[in-house]
PDB file of all heavy atoms in Angstrom:
ATOM      1  N   VAL A   1       0.874  -1.151  -0.012  1.00  0.00           N
ATOM      2  CA  VAL A   1      -0.029   0.076  -0.005  1.00  0.00           C
ATOM      3  C   VAL A   1       0.905   1.222  -0.048  1.00  0.00           C
ATOM      4  O   VAL A   1       1.755   1.423   0.711  1.00  0.00           O
ATOM      5  CB  VAL A   1      -0.954  -0.026   1.195  1.00  0.00           C
ATOM      6  CG1 VAL A   1      -1.769   1.303   1.274  1.00  0.00           C
ATOM      7  CG2 VAL A   1      -1.819  -1.199   1.225  1.00  0.00           C
ATOM      8  N   PRO A   2       0.654   2.185  -0.901  1.00  0.00           N
ATOM      9  CA  PRO A   2       1.437   3.415  -1.040  1.00  0.00           C
ATOM     10  C   PRO A   2       1.595   4.048   0.359  1.00  0.00           C
ATOM     11  O   PRO A   2       0.520   4.111   1.038  1.00  0.00           O
ATOM     12  CB  PRO A   2       0.863   4.223  -2.083  1.00  0.00           C
ATOM     13  CG  PRO A   2       0.131   3.175  -2.881  1.00  0.00           C
ATOM     14  CD  PRO A   2      -0.335   2.243  -1.977  1.00  0.00           C
ATOM     15  N   ASP A   3       2.739   4.649   0.660  1.00  0.00           N
ATOM     16  CA  ASP A   3       2.978   5.398   1.893  1.00  0.00           C
ATOM     17  C   ASP A   3       2.524   6.796   1.746  1.00  0.00           C
ATOM     18  O   ASP A   3       3.240   7.833   1.943  1.00  0.00           O
ATOM     19  CB  ASP A   3       4.413   5.368   2.238  1.00  0.00           C
ATOM     20  CG  ASP A   3       4.672   5.847   3.693  1.00  0.00           C
ATOM     21  OD1 ASP A   3       3.741   5.775   4.452  1.00  0.00           O
ATOM     22  OD2 ASP A   3       5.827   6.226   3.959  1.00  0.00           O
ATOM     23  N   ARG A   4       1.127   6.891   1.478  1.00  0.00           N
ATOM     24  CA  ARG A   4       0.552   8.205   1.349  1.00  0.00           C
ATOM     25  C   ARG A   4      -0.975   8.166   1.615  1.00  0.00           C
ATOM     26  O   ARG A   4      -1.444   6.955   1.650  1.00  0.00           O
ATOM     27  CB  ARG A   4       0.768   8.777  -0.052  1.00  0.00           C
ATOM     28  CG  ARG A   4       0.114   7.978  -1.085  1.00  0.00           C
ATOM     29  CD  ARG A   4       0.196   8.620  -2.541  1.00  0.00           C
ATOM     30  NE  ARG A   4      -0.484   7.914  -3.642  1.00  0.00           N
ATOM     31  CZ  ARG A   4       0.175   7.049  -4.363  1.00  0.00           C
ATOM     32  NH1 ARG A   4       1.397   6.722  -4.006  1.00  0.00           N
ATOM     33  NH2 ARG A   4      -0.659   6.312  -5.340  1.00  0.00           N
ATOM     34  N   LYS A   5      -1.661   9.246   1.909  1.00  0.00           N
ATOM     35  CA  LYS A   5      -3.048   9.167   2.089  1.00  0.00           C
ATOM     36  C   LYS A   5      -3.844   8.654   0.882  1.00  0.00           C
ATOM     37  O   LYS A   5      -3.465   8.888  -0.224  1.00  0.00           O
ATOM     38  CB  LYS A   5      -3.654  10.543   2.386  1.00  0.00           C
ATOM     39  CG  LYS A   5      -3.115  11.120   3.767  1.00  0.00           C
ATOM     40  CD  LYS A   5      -3.671  12.543   4.060  1.00  0.00           C
ATOM     41  CE  LYS A   5      -5.183  12.421   4.310  1.00  0.00           C
ATOM     42  NZ  LYS A   5      -5.691  13.757   4.675  1.00  0.00           N
ATOM     43  N   CYS A   6      -4.855   7.862   1.163  1.00  0.00           N
ATOM     44  CA  CYS A   6      -5.631   7.161   0.058  1.00  0.00           C
ATOM     45  C   CYS A   6      -7.081   7.419   0.227  1.00  0.00           C
ATOM     46  O   CYS A   6      -7.532   7.573   1.408  1.00  0.00           O
ATOM     47  CB  CYS A   6      -5.462   5.706   0.089  1.00  0.00           C
ATOM     48  SG  CYS A   6      -3.690   5.090  -0.145  1.00  0.00           S
ATOM     49  N   LEU A   7      -7.713   7.639  -0.830  1.00  0.00           N
ATOM     50  CA  LEU A   7      -9.235   7.500  -0.812  1.00  0.00           C
ATOM     51  C   LEU A   7      -9.601   6.068  -0.740  1.00  0.00           C
ATOM     52  O   LEU A   7      -8.903   5.130  -0.837  1.00  0.00           O
ATOM     53  CB  LEU A   7      -9.754   8.109  -2.087  1.00  0.00           C
ATOM     54  CG  LEU A   7      -9.431   9.612  -2.398  1.00  0.00           C
ATOM     55  CD1 LEU A   7      -9.954  10.029  -3.831  1.00  0.00           C
ATOM     56  CD2 LEU A   7     -10.061  10.443  -1.309  1.00  0.00           C
ATOM     57  N   PHE A   8     -10.861   5.852  -0.235  1.00  0.00           N
ATOM     58  CA  PHE A   8     -11.357   4.540   0.236  1.00  0.00           C
ATOM     59  C   PHE A   8     -11.267   3.522  -0.931  1.00  0.00           C
ATOM     60  O   PHE A   8     -10.781   2.469  -0.738  1.00  0.00           O
ATOM     61  CB  PHE A   8     -12.715   4.654   0.783  1.00  0.00           C
ATOM     62  CG  PHE A   8     -13.173   3.323   1.449  1.00  0.00           C
ATOM     63  CD1 PHE A   8     -12.529   2.790   2.389  1.00  0.00           C
ATOM     64  CD2 PHE A   8     -14.379   2.678   0.964  1.00  0.00           C
ATOM     65  CE1 PHE A   8     -12.842   1.460   2.938  1.00  0.00           C
ATOM     66  CE2 PHE A   8     -14.783   1.524   1.406  1.00  0.00           C
ATOM     67  CZ  PHE A   8     -13.975   0.905   2.548  1.00  0.00           C
ATOM     68  N   GLY A   9     -11.749   3.860  -2.107  1.00  0.00           N
ATOM     69  CA  GLY A   9     -11.750   3.028  -3.191  1.00  0.00           C
ATOM     70  C   GLY A   9     -10.367   2.495  -3.592  1.00  0.00           C
ATOM     71  O   GLY A   9     -10.075   1.325  -3.889  1.00  0.00           O
ATOM     72  N   ARG A  10      -9.458   3.477  -3.561  1.00  0.00           N
ATOM     73  CA  ARG A  10      -8.012   3.113  -3.910  1.00  0.00           C
ATOM     74  C   ARG A  10      -7.368   2.269  -2.848  1.00  0.00           C
ATOM     75  O   ARG A  10      -6.649   1.416  -3.074  1.00  0.00           O
ATOM     76  CB  ARG A  10      -7.132   4.224  -4.307  1.00  0.00           C
ATOM     77  CG  ARG A  10      -7.527   4.888  -5.629  1.00  0.00           C
ATOM     78  CD  ARG A  10      -6.489   5.869  -6.104  1.00  0.00           C
ATOM     79  NE  ARG A  10      -6.743   6.289  -7.419  1.00  0.00           N
ATOM     80  CZ  ARG A  10      -6.211   5.751  -8.518  1.00  0.00           C
ATOM     81  NH1 ARG A  10      -5.510   4.720  -8.389  1.00  0.00           N
ATOM     82  NH2 ARG A  10      -6.585   6.135  -9.744  1.00  0.00           N
ATOM     83  N   PHE A  11      -7.795   2.474  -1.576  1.00  0.00           N
ATOM     84  CA  PHE A  11      -7.204   1.718  -0.498  1.00  0.00           C
ATOM     85  C   PHE A  11      -7.788   0.316  -0.526  1.00  0.00           C
ATOM     86  O   PHE A  11      -6.938  -0.572  -0.359  1.00  0.00           O
ATOM     87  CB  PHE A  11      -7.725   2.407   0.852  1.00  0.00           C
ATOM     88  CG  PHE A  11      -7.091   1.801   2.104  1.00  0.00           C
ATOM     89  CD1 PHE A  11      -5.833   2.136   2.432  1.00  0.00           C
ATOM     90  CD2 PHE A  11      -7.770   0.952   2.862  1.00  0.00           C
ATOM     91  CE1 PHE A  11      -5.180   1.548   3.613  1.00  0.00           C
ATOM     92  CE2 PHE A  11      -7.306   0.322   4.066  1.00  0.00           C
ATOM     93  CZ  PHE A  11      -5.932   0.746   4.304  1.00  0.00           C
ATOM     94  N   LEU A  12      -8.959   0.066  -0.845  1.00  0.00           N
ATOM     95  CA  LEU A  12      -9.396  -1.319  -1.165  1.00  0.00           C
ATOM     96  C   LEU A  12      -8.673  -2.029  -2.195  1.00  0.00           C
ATOM     97  O   LEU A  12      -8.255  -3.140  -2.185  1.00  0.00           O
ATOM     98  CB  LEU A  12     -10.921  -1.271  -1.583  1.00  0.00           C
ATOM     99  CG  LEU A  12     -11.829  -0.826  -0.492  1.00  0.00           C
ATOM    100  CD1 LEU A  12     -13.301  -0.684  -1.073  1.00  0.00           C
ATOM    101  CD2 LEU A  12     -11.822  -1.740   0.837  1.00  0.00           C
ATOM    102  N   TYR A  13      -8.419  -1.249  -3.329  1.00  0.00           N
ATOM    103  CA  TYR A  13      -7.695  -1.736  -4.462  1.00  0.00           C
ATOM    104  C   TYR A  13      -6.248  -2.098  -4.032  1.00  0.00           C
ATOM    105  O   TYR A  13      -5.705  -3.172  -4.394  1.00  0.00           O
ATOM    106  CB  TYR A  13      -7.664  -0.696  -5.636  1.00  0.00           C
ATOM    107  CG  TYR A  13      -6.713  -1.147  -6.757  1.00  0.00           C
ATOM    108  CD1 TYR A  13      -6.874  -2.238  -7.472  1.00  0.00           C
ATOM    109  CD2 TYR A  13      -5.560  -0.321  -6.994  1.00  0.00           C
ATOM    110  CE1 TYR A  13      -6.020  -2.615  -8.532  1.00  0.00           C
ATOM    111  CE2 TYR A  13      -4.678  -0.674  -8.011  1.00  0.00           C
ATOM    112  CZ  TYR A  13      -4.928  -1.819  -8.769  1.00  0.00           C
ATOM    113  OH  TYR A  13      -4.009  -2.107  -9.787  1.00  0.00           O
ATOM    114  N   TYR A  14      -5.447  -1.156  -3.423  1.00  0.00           N
ATOM    115  CA  TYR A  14      -4.216  -1.275  -2.981  1.00  0.00           C
ATOM    116  C   TYR A  14      -4.070  -2.589  -1.900  1.00  0.00           C
ATOM    117  O   TYR A  14      -2.963  -3.204  -1.800  1.00  0.00           O
ATOM    118  CB  TYR A  14      -3.555  -0.151  -2.265  1.00  0.00           C
ATOM    119  CG  TYR A  14      -3.296   0.961  -3.352  1.00  0.00           C
ATOM    120  CD1 TYR A  14      -3.648   2.201  -3.023  1.00  0.00           C
ATOM    121  CD2 TYR A  14      -2.800   0.631  -4.521  1.00  0.00           C
ATOM    122  CE1 TYR A  14      -3.352   3.255  -3.958  1.00  0.00           C
ATOM    123  CE2 TYR A  14      -2.553   1.704  -5.482  1.00  0.00           C
ATOM    124  CZ  TYR A  14      -2.766   3.039  -5.149  1.00  0.00           C
ATOM    125  OH  TYR A  14      -2.592   3.864  -6.092  1.00  0.00           O
ATOM    126  N   ASN A  15      -5.125  -2.874  -1.178  1.00  0.00           N
ATOM    127  CA  ASN A  15      -5.199  -3.945  -0.326  1.00  0.00           C
ATOM    128  C   ASN A  15      -5.586  -5.378  -0.981  1.00  0.00           C
ATOM    129  O   ASN A  15      -5.726  -6.329  -0.369  1.00  0.00           O
ATOM    130  CB  ASN A  15      -6.098  -3.826   0.896  1.00  0.00           C
ATOM    131  CG  ASN A  15      -5.380  -2.977   1.953  1.00  0.00           C
ATOM    132  OD1 ASN A  15      -4.636  -3.481   2.834  1.00  0.00           O
ATOM    133  ND2 ASN A  15      -5.457  -1.639   1.892  1.00  0.00           N
ATOM    134  N   GLY A  16      -5.727  -5.336  -2.262  1.00  0.00           N
ATOM    135  CA  GLY A  16      -6.101  -6.521  -3.119  1.00  0.00           C
ATOM    136  C   GLY A  16      -7.513  -6.942  -2.955  1.00  0.00           C
ATOM    137  O   GLY A  16      -7.899  -8.136  -3.303  1.00  0.00           O
ATOM    138  N   LEU A  17      -8.466  -6.160  -2.507  1.00  0.00           N
ATOM    139  CA  LEU A  17      -9.725  -6.566  -2.243  1.00  0.00           C
ATOM    140  C   LEU A  17     -10.634  -6.355  -3.388  1.00  0.00           C
ATOM    141  O   LEU A  17     -11.712  -6.934  -3.569  1.00  0.00           O
ATOM    142  CB  LEU A  17     -10.416  -5.834  -1.013  1.00  0.00           C
ATOM    143  CG  LEU A  17      -9.690  -6.248   0.311  1.00  0.00           C
ATOM    144  CD1 LEU A  17     -10.433  -5.388   1.446  1.00  0.00           C
ATOM    145  CD2 LEU A  17      -9.750  -7.662   0.620  1.00  0.00           C
ATOM    146  N   ILE A  18     -10.369  -5.560  -4.299  1.00  0.00           N
ATOM    147  CA  ILE A  18     -11.063  -5.293  -5.473  1.00  0.00           C
ATOM    148  C   ILE A  18     -10.105  -5.139  -6.763  1.00  0.00           C
ATOM    149  O   ILE A  18      -8.922  -4.839  -6.490  1.00  0.00           O
ATOM    150  CB  ILE A  18     -11.902  -3.972  -5.357  1.00  0.00           C
ATOM    151  CG1 ILE A  18     -10.983  -2.731  -5.221  1.00  0.00           C
ATOM    152  CG2 ILE A  18     -12.934  -4.064  -4.336  1.00  0.00           C
ATOM    153  CD1 ILE A  18     -11.807  -1.472  -5.342  1.00  0.00           C
ATOM    154  N   THR A  19     -10.596  -5.376  -7.982  1.00  0.00           N
ATOM    155  CA  THR A  19      -9.835  -5.160  -9.159  1.00  0.00           C
ATOM    156  C   THR A  19      -9.836  -3.718  -9.474  1.00  0.00           C
ATOM    157  O   THR A  19     -10.700  -2.931  -9.127  1.00  0.00           O
ATOM    158  CB  THR A  19     -10.301  -6.065 -10.271  1.00  0.00           C
ATOM    159  OG1 THR A  19     -11.595  -5.628 -10.714  1.00  0.00           O
ATOM    160  CG2 THR A  19     -10.376  -7.483  -9.787  1.00  0.00           C
ATOM    161  N   TYR A  20      -9.001  -3.314 -10.416  1.00  0.00           N
ATOM    162  CA  TYR A  20      -9.001  -1.975 -10.893  1.00  0.00           C
ATOM    163  C   TYR A  20     -10.268  -1.740 -11.716  1.00  0.00           C
ATOM    164  O   TYR A  20     -10.877  -0.669 -11.573  1.00  0.00           O
ATOM    165  CB  TYR A  20      -7.807  -1.699 -11.726  1.00  0.00           C
ATOM    166  CG  TYR A  20      -7.548  -0.205 -11.974  1.00  0.00           C
ATOM    167  CD1 TYR A  20      -6.814   0.493 -11.056  1.00  0.00           C
ATOM    168  CD2 TYR A  20      -7.987   0.413 -13.124  1.00  0.00           C
ATOM    169  CE1 TYR A  20      -6.679   1.851 -11.180  1.00  0.00           C
ATOM    170  CE2 TYR A  20      -7.786   1.833 -13.273  1.00  0.00           C
ATOM    171  CZ  TYR A  20      -7.136   2.495 -12.330  1.00  0.00           C
ATOM    172  OH  TYR A  20      -6.900   3.836 -12.358  1.00  0.00           O
ATOM    173  N   GLN A  21     -10.733  -2.651 -12.419  1.00  0.00           N
ATOM    174  CA  GLN A  21     -12.059  -2.520 -13.135  1.00  0.00           C
ATOM    175  C   GLN A  21     -13.145  -2.255 -12.173  1.00  0.00           C
ATOM    176  O   GLN A  21     -14.008  -1.346 -12.518  1.00  0.00           O
ATOM    177  CB  GLN A  21     -12.345  -3.800 -13.952  1.00  0.00           C
ATOM    178  CG  GLN A  21     -13.698  -3.596 -14.722  1.00  0.00           C
ATOM    179  CD  GLN A  21     -13.867  -4.822 -15.590  1.00  0.00           C
ATOM    180  OE1 GLN A  21     -12.981  -5.622 -15.950  1.00  0.00           O
ATOM    181  NE2 GLN A  21     -15.104  -4.965 -16.129  1.00  0.00           N
ATOM    182  N   GLU A  22     -13.238  -2.917 -11.022  1.00  0.00           N
ATOM    183  CA  GLU A  22     -14.269  -2.606 -10.043  1.00  0.00           C
ATOM    184  C   GLU A  22     -14.198  -1.250  -9.488  1.00  0.00           C
ATOM    185  O   GLU A  22     -15.083  -0.592  -9.232  1.00  0.00           O
ATOM    186  CB  GLU A  22     -14.280  -3.764  -8.990  1.00  0.00           C
ATOM    187  CG  GLU A  22     -14.696  -5.170  -9.448  1.00  0.00           C
ATOM    188  CD  GLU A  22     -14.272  -6.305  -8.562  1.00  0.00           C
ATOM    189  OE1 GLU A  22     -13.416  -6.080  -7.703  1.00  0.00           O
ATOM    190  OE2 GLU A  22     -14.956  -7.404  -8.704  1.00  0.00           O
ATOM    191  N   LEU A  23     -12.933  -0.827  -9.279  1.00  0.00           N
ATOM    192  CA  LEU A  23     -12.662   0.527  -8.852  1.00  0.00           C
ATOM    193  C   LEU A  23     -13.229   1.445  -9.755  1.00  0.00           C
ATOM    194  O   LEU A  23     -13.880   2.447  -9.389  1.00  0.00           O
ATOM    195  CB  LEU A  23     -11.221   0.736  -8.557  1.00  0.00           C
ATOM    196  CG  LEU A  23     -10.787   2.123  -8.159  1.00  0.00           C
ATOM    197  CD1 LEU A  23     -11.429   2.590  -6.967  1.00  0.00           C
ATOM    198  CD2 LEU A  23      -9.260   2.217  -8.085  1.00  0.00           C
ATOM    199  N   ILE A  24     -12.871   1.445 -11.093  1.00  0.00           N
ATOM    200  CA  ILE A  24     -13.343   2.346 -12.072  1.00  0.00           C
ATOM    201  C   ILE A  24     -14.944   2.305 -12.104  1.00  0.00           C
ATOM    202  O   ILE A  24     -15.538   3.462 -12.116  1.00  0.00           O
ATOM    203  CB  ILE A  24     -12.856   2.069 -13.410  1.00  0.00           C
ATOM    204  CG1 ILE A  24     -11.313   2.258 -13.386  1.00  0.00           C
ATOM    205  CG2 ILE A  24     -13.444   2.873 -14.498  1.00  0.00           C
ATOM    206  CD1 ILE A  24     -10.825   3.508 -13.075  1.00  0.00           C
ATOM    207  N   GLU A  25     -15.507   1.124 -12.007  1.00  0.00           N
ATOM    208  CA  GLU A  25     -17.018   1.100 -12.086  1.00  0.00           C
ATOM    209  C   GLU A  25     -17.596   1.868 -10.900  1.00  0.00           C
ATOM    210  O   GLU A  25     -18.599   2.462 -11.002  1.00  0.00           O
ATOM    211  CB  GLU A  25     -17.415  -0.375 -12.229  1.00  0.00           C
ATOM    212  CG  GLU A  25     -17.176  -1.025 -13.507  1.00  0.00           C
ATOM    213  CD  GLU A  25     -17.317  -2.570 -13.442  1.00  0.00           C
ATOM    214  OE1 GLU A  25     -17.596  -3.208 -12.333  1.00  0.00           O
ATOM    215  OE2 GLU A  25     -17.212  -3.214 -14.530  1.00  0.00           O
ATOM    216  N   ALA A  26     -16.940   1.684  -9.660  1.00  0.00           N
ATOM    217  CA  ALA A  26     -17.566   2.314  -8.542  1.00  0.00           C
ATOM    218  C   ALA A  26     -17.366   3.781  -8.570  1.00  0.00           C
ATOM    219  O   ALA A  26     -18.325   4.605  -8.138  1.00  0.00           O
ATOM    220  CB  ALA A  26     -16.733   1.783  -7.272  1.00  0.00           C
ATOM    221  N   ILE A  27     -16.266   4.237  -9.177  1.00  0.00           N
ATOM    222  CA  ILE A  27     -16.086   5.804  -9.237  1.00  0.00           C
ATOM    223  C   ILE A  27     -17.024   6.346 -10.186  1.00  0.00           C
ATOM    224  O   ILE A  27     -17.716   7.391 -10.018  1.00  0.00           O
ATOM    225  CB  ILE A  27     -14.587   5.991  -9.875  1.00  0.00           C
ATOM    226  CG1 ILE A  27     -13.605   5.731  -8.811  1.00  0.00           C
ATOM    227  CG2 ILE A  27     -14.457   7.525 -10.246  1.00  0.00           C
ATOM    228  CD1 ILE A  27     -12.080   5.729  -9.179  1.00  0.00           C
ATOM    229  N   VAL A  28     -17.414   5.659 -11.323  1.00  0.00           N
ATOM    230  CA  VAL A  28     -18.298   6.175 -12.289  1.00  0.00           C
ATOM    231  C   VAL A  28     -19.669   6.127 -11.665  1.00  0.00           C
ATOM    232  O   VAL A  28     -20.510   7.105 -11.808  1.00  0.00           O
ATOM    233  CB  VAL A  28     -18.347   5.304 -13.551  1.00  0.00           C
ATOM    234  CG1 VAL A  28     -19.476   5.594 -14.412  1.00  0.00           C
ATOM    235  CG2 VAL A  28     -17.043   5.393 -14.382  1.00  0.00           C
ATOM    236  N   TRP A  29     -19.985   5.052 -11.053  1.00  0.00           N
ATOM    237  CA  TRP A  29     -21.353   4.934 -10.257  1.00  0.00           C
ATOM    238  C   TRP A  29     -21.565   6.200  -9.322  1.00  0.00           C
ATOM    239  O   TRP A  29     -22.477   6.720  -9.294  1.00  0.00           O
ATOM    240  CB  TRP A  29     -21.367   3.625  -9.558  1.00  0.00           C
ATOM    241  CG  TRP A  29     -22.450   3.423  -8.600  1.00  0.00           C
ATOM    242  CD1 TRP A  29     -23.847   3.083  -8.838  1.00  0.00           C
ATOM    243  CD2 TRP A  29     -22.521   3.762  -7.169  1.00  0.00           C
ATOM    244  NE1 TRP A  29     -24.571   2.914  -7.681  1.00  0.00           N
ATOM    245  CE2 TRP A  29     -23.771   3.384  -6.690  1.00  0.00           C
ATOM    246  CE3 TRP A  29     -21.529   4.188  -6.259  1.00  0.00           C
ATOM    247  CZ2 TRP A  29     -24.060   3.577  -5.255  1.00  0.00           C
ATOM    248  CZ3 TRP A  29     -21.835   4.239  -4.957  1.00  0.00           C
ATOM    249  CH2 TRP A  29     -23.146   3.962  -4.426  1.00  0.00           C
ATOM    250  N   GLN A  30     -20.455   6.454  -8.555  1.00  0.00           N
ATOM    251  CA  GLN A  30     -20.609   7.494  -7.529  1.00  0.00           C
ATOM    252  C   GLN A  30     -20.745   8.952  -8.245  1.00  0.00           C
ATOM    253  O   GLN A  30     -21.499   9.709  -7.754  1.00  0.00           O
ATOM    254  CB  GLN A  30     -19.323   7.468  -6.700  1.00  0.00           C
ATOM    255  CG  GLN A  30     -19.417   8.573  -5.530  1.00  0.00           C
ATOM    256  CD  GLN A  30     -18.063   8.524  -4.737  1.00  0.00           C
ATOM    257  OE1 GLN A  30     -16.918   8.630  -5.296  1.00  0.00           O
ATOM    258  NE2 GLN A  30     -18.140   8.416  -3.381  1.00  0.00           N
ATOM    259  N   LYS A  31     -19.955   9.072  -9.335  1.00  0.00           N
ATOM    260  CA  LYS A  31     -19.968  10.245 -10.102  1.00  0.00           C
ATOM    261  C   LYS A  31     -21.427  10.606 -10.610  1.00  0.00           C
ATOM    262  O   LYS A  31     -21.880  11.675 -10.662  1.00  0.00           O
ATOM    263  CB  LYS A  31     -19.003  10.243 -11.227  1.00  0.00           C
ATOM    264  CG  LYS A  31     -19.083  11.379 -12.358  1.00  0.00           C
ATOM    265  CD  LYS A  31     -18.812  12.736 -11.797  1.00  0.00           C
ATOM    266  CE  LYS A  31     -18.777  13.658 -12.939  1.00  0.00           C
ATOM    267  NZ  LYS A  31     -18.582  15.042 -12.577  1.00  0.00           N
ATOM    268  N   VAL A  32     -22.026   9.509 -11.280  1.00  0.00           N
ATOM    269  CA  VAL A  32     -23.313   9.746 -11.863  1.00  0.00           C
ATOM    270  C   VAL A  32     -24.412  10.158 -10.855  1.00  0.00           C
ATOM    271  O   VAL A  32     -25.395  10.846 -11.114  1.00  0.00           O
ATOM    272  CB  VAL A  32     -23.708   8.488 -12.746  1.00  0.00           C
ATOM    273  CG1 VAL A  32     -25.103   8.551 -13.141  1.00  0.00           C
ATOM    274  CG2 VAL A  32     -22.820   8.344 -13.938  1.00  0.00           C
ATOM    275  N   GLN A  33     -24.336   9.531  -9.660  1.00  0.00           N
ATOM    276  CA  GLN A  33     -25.260   9.706  -8.582  1.00  0.00           C
ATOM    277  C   GLN A  33     -25.043  10.992  -7.791  1.00  0.00           C
ATOM    278  O   GLN A  33     -25.885  11.333  -7.023  1.00  0.00           O
ATOM    279  CB  GLN A  33     -25.352   8.557  -7.731  1.00  0.00           C
ATOM    280  CG  GLN A  33     -25.874   7.266  -8.382  1.00  0.00           C
ATOM    281  CD  GLN A  33     -26.272   6.211  -7.553  1.00  0.00           C
ATOM    282  OE1 GLN A  33     -27.231   6.281  -6.762  1.00  0.00           O
ATOM    283  NE2 GLN A  33     -25.424   5.100  -7.517  1.00  0.00           N
ATOM    284  N   ARG A  34     -23.950  11.711  -8.000  1.00  0.00           N
ATOM    285  CA  ARG A  34     -23.582  12.896  -7.162  1.00  0.00           C
ATOM    286  C   ARG A  34     -24.624  13.932  -7.501  1.00  0.00           C
ATOM    287  O   ARG A  34     -24.876  14.294  -8.540  1.00  0.00           O
ATOM    288  CB  ARG A  34     -22.183  13.230  -7.510  1.00  0.00           C
ATOM    289  CG  ARG A  34     -21.598  14.543  -6.777  1.00  0.00           C
ATOM    290  CD  ARG A  34     -20.245  14.822  -7.216  1.00  0.00           C
ATOM    291  NE  ARG A  34     -19.337  13.735  -7.117  1.00  0.00           N
ATOM    292  CZ  ARG A  34     -18.188  13.584  -7.644  1.00  0.00           C
ATOM    293  NH1 ARG A  34     -17.762  14.544  -8.546  1.00  0.00           N
ATOM    294  NH2 ARG A  34     -17.484  12.522  -7.536  1.00  0.00           N
ATOM    295  N   PRO A  35     -25.038  14.686  -6.415  1.00  0.00           N
ATOM    296  CA  PRO A  35     -26.056  15.865  -6.595  1.00  0.00           C
ATOM    297  C   PRO A  35     -25.385  16.855  -7.239  1.00  0.00           C
ATOM    298  O   PRO A  35     -24.068  17.275  -6.986  1.00  0.00           O
ATOM    299  CB  PRO A  35     -26.445  16.168  -5.147  1.00  0.00           C
ATOM    300  CG  PRO A  35     -25.316  15.639  -4.214  1.00  0.00           C
ATOM    301  CD  PRO A  35     -24.800  14.272  -4.950  1.00  0.00           C
ATOM    302  N   ALA A  36     -26.107  17.550  -8.255  1.00  0.00           N
ATOM    303  CA  ALA A  36     -25.495  18.685  -8.981  1.00  0.00           C
ATOM    304  C   ALA A  36     -25.246  19.947  -8.082  1.00  0.00           C
ATOM    305  O   ALA A  36     -26.164  20.253  -7.156  1.00  0.00           O
ATOM    306  CB  ALA A  36     -26.370  19.038 -10.032  1.00  0.00           C
ATOM    307  N   ILE A  37     -24.217  20.646  -8.280  1.00  0.00           N
ATOM    308  CA  ILE A  37     -23.967  21.904  -7.528  1.00  0.00           C
ATOM    309  C   ILE A  37     -24.994  22.894  -7.804  1.00  0.00           C
ATOM    310  O   ILE A  37     -25.380  23.550  -6.835  1.00  0.00           O
ATOM    311  CB  ILE A  37     -22.575  22.486  -7.917  1.00  0.00           C
ATOM    312  CG1 ILE A  37     -21.378  21.596  -7.481  1.00  0.00           C
ATOM    313  CG2 ILE A  37     -22.335  23.903  -7.450  1.00  0.00           C
ATOM    314  CD1 ILE A  37     -21.236  21.628  -6.009  1.00  0.00           C
ATOM    315  N   GLY A  38     -25.575  22.877  -9.008  1.00  0.00           N
ATOM    316  CA  GLY A  38     -26.654  23.923  -9.229  1.00  0.00           C
ATOM    317  C   GLY A  38     -27.850  23.580  -8.507  1.00  0.00           C
ATOM    318  O   GLY A  38     -28.415  24.574  -8.006  1.00  0.00           O
ATOM    319  N   ASN A  39     -28.170  22.377  -8.312  1.00  0.00           N
ATOM    320  CA  ASN A  39     -29.341  22.034  -7.480  1.00  0.00           C
ATOM    321  C   ASN A  39     -29.140  22.366  -6.113  1.00  0.00           C
ATOM    322  O   ASN A  39     -30.072  22.789  -5.308  1.00  0.00           O
ATOM    323  CB  ASN A  39     -29.693  20.516  -7.659  1.00  0.00           C
ATOM    324  CG  ASN A  39     -30.196  20.188  -9.058  1.00  0.00           C
ATOM    325  OD1 ASN A  39     -30.666  21.083  -9.696  1.00  0.00           O
ATOM    326  ND2 ASN A  39     -30.148  18.926  -9.461  1.00  0.00           N
ATOM    327  N   LEU A  40     -28.000  22.143  -5.562  1.00  0.00           N
ATOM    328  CA  LEU A  40     -27.695  22.441  -4.147  1.00  0.00           C
ATOM    329  C   LEU A  40     -27.804  24.050  -3.920  1.00  0.00           C
ATOM    330  O   LEU A  40     -28.303  24.522  -2.971  1.00  0.00           O
ATOM    331  CB  LEU A  40     -26.226  22.020  -3.712  1.00  0.00           C
ATOM    332  CG  LEU A  40     -26.061  20.469  -3.745  1.00  0.00           C
ATOM    333  CD1 LEU A  40     -24.639  20.076  -3.412  1.00  0.00           C
ATOM    334  CD2 LEU A  40     -27.061  19.870  -2.725  1.00  0.00           C
ATOM    335  N   ALA A  41     -27.221  24.795  -4.834  1.00  0.00           N
ATOM    336  CA  ALA A  41     -27.270  26.237  -4.753  1.00  0.00           C
ATOM    337  C   ALA A  41     -28.733  26.765  -4.885  1.00  0.00           C
ATOM    338  O   ALA A  41     -29.017  27.823  -4.208  1.00  0.00           O
ATOM    339  CB  ALA A  41     -26.381  26.897  -5.832  1.00  0.00           C
ATOM    340  N   LEU A  42     -29.495  26.046  -5.693  1.00  0.00           N
ATOM    341  CA  LEU A  42     -30.912  26.495  -5.837  1.00  0.00           C
ATOM    342  C   LEU A  42     -31.641  26.183  -4.539  1.00  0.00           C
ATOM    343  O   LEU A  42     -32.480  27.060  -4.056  1.00  0.00           O
ATOM    344  CB  LEU A  42     -31.418  25.799  -6.957  1.00  0.00           C
ATOM    345  CG  LEU A  42     -33.004  26.154  -7.321  1.00  0.00           C
ATOM    346  CD1 LEU A  42     -33.011  27.474  -7.861  1.00  0.00           C
ATOM    347  CD2 LEU A  42     -33.475  25.009  -8.431  1.00  0.00           C
TER     348      LEU A  42
END
């Protein structure tokens, strides 16, 4: 595991619990469901 701060998805990947493909799929899933800044400002 790199000797630096990690985000959770990458920490799972560096610990061998998920593949890189699963990491990318999770990042895209999270990005698509993220609330829009415009809606929050409204």
